[in-house]
């Protein structure tokens, strides 16, 4: 492989990686993440734990999840 061919391939690889990175940033790479629904229910259950530390950790985790946790939290308040 010539030096020029190697440089062209390396440049093409950089472009591909950049495009993939931009795609993942734009789509929030949700296809690669564990669904938050499977995380939310156990955390909501921990909000009523007797241990204040566990309740605090669950609350912090729900805050980190953010707005996707809100509908489940509202539903839990209704029950």
Protein backbone atom coordinates (compact mmCIF):
# COMPACT_ATOMS: atom_id res chain seq x y z
CA UNK A 1 0.00 0.00 0.00
CA UNK A 2 1.44 3.33 -1.01
CA UNK A 3 1.76 6.29 1.32
CA UNK A 4 -0.84 8.21 -0.68
CA UNK A 5 -3.35 5.33 -0.54
CA UNK A 6 -2.84 5.02 3.21
CA UNK A 7 -3.48 8.76 3.66
CA UNK A 8 -6.64 8.60 1.56
CA UNK A 9 -7.96 5.63 3.54
CA UNK A 10 -7.14 7.31 6.84
CA UNK A 11 -8.92 10.47 5.74
CA UNK A 12 -11.96 8.45 4.66
CA UNK A 13 -11.98 6.65 8.02
CA UNK A 14 -11.89 9.98 9.86
CA UNK A 15 -14.88 11.20 7.85
CA UNK A 16 -16.81 8.01 8.60
CA UNK A 17 -16.08 8.25 12.32
CA UNK A 18 -17.08 11.93 12.33
CA UNK A 19 -20.35 11.17 10.52
CA UNK A 20 -21.14 8.32 12.91
CA UNK A 21 -20.39 10.53 15.91
CA UNK A 22 -22.65 13.29 14.60
CA UNK A 23 -25.40 10.79 13.90
CA UNK A 24 -25.18 9.38 17.43
CA UNK A 25 -25.20 12.85 18.94
CA UNK A 26 -28.22 13.90 16.91
CA UNK A 27 -30.20 10.77 17.71
CA UNK A 28 -29.00 10.65 21.35
CA UNK A 29 -27.86 7.12 20.52
CA UNK A 30 -31.05 5.82 22.15
CA UNK A 31 -30.74 2.58 20.20
CA UNK A 32 -27.61 1.74 22.18
CA UNK A 33 -28.97 2.53 25.63
CA UNK A 34 -30.94 0.39 28.00
CA UNK A 35 -34.49 1.64 27.98
CA UNK A 36 -35.09 4.01 30.82
CA UNK A 37 -38.49 2.41 31.52
CA UNK A 38 -36.73 -0.69 32.82
CA UNK A 39 -34.65 1.53 35.13
CA UNK A 40 -37.46 3.79 36.36
CA UNK A 41 -39.83 1.29 37.98
CA UNK A 42 -37.26 -0.18 40.42
CA UNK A 43 -36.11 3.33 41.34
CA UNK A 44 -39.65 4.46 42.08
CA UNK A 45 -40.10 1.42 44.32
CA UNK A 46 -36.97 2.43 46.23
CA UNK A 47 -38.47 5.85 46.98
CA UNK A 48 -40.53 4.24 49.76
CA UNK A 49 -37.65 2.24 51.25
CA UNK A 50 -37.11 2.50 55.01
CA UNK A 51 -33.47 3.47 54.49
CA UNK A 52 -33.11 7.22 53.84
CA UNK A 53 -29.84 6.67 51.97
CA UNK A 54 -31.49 4.29 49.50
CA UNK A 55 -34.35 6.77 48.99
CA UNK A 56 -31.84 9.53 48.36
CA UNK A 57 -29.87 7.46 45.84
CA UNK A 58 -33.09 6.53 44.01
CA UNK A 59 -34.20 10.17 43.90
CA UNK A 60 -30.80 11.24 42.53
CA UNK A 61 -30.94 8.52 39.87
CA UNK A 62 -34.42 9.64 38.80
CA UNK A 63 -33.21 13.23 38.56
CA UNK A 64 -30.35 12.04 36.33
CA UNK A 65 -32.83 10.24 34.08
CA UNK A 66 -34.74 13.47 33.78
CA UNK A 67 -37.97 14.07 31.89
CA UNK A 68 -38.45 10.45 30.75
CA UNK A 69 -39.09 9.58 34.43
CA UNK A 70 -41.87 12.15 34.90
CA UNK A 71 -44.84 10.15 33.50
CA UNK A 72 -43.94 7.16 35.66
CA UNK A 73 -43.57 9.38 38.72
CA UNK A 74 -46.96 10.98 38.09
CA UNK A 75 -48.52 7.53 37.74
CA UNK A 76 -46.89 6.43 40.99
CA UNK A 77 -48.34 9.47 42.77
CA UNK A 78 -51.82 8.49 41.61
CA UNK A 79 -51.47 5.02 43.16
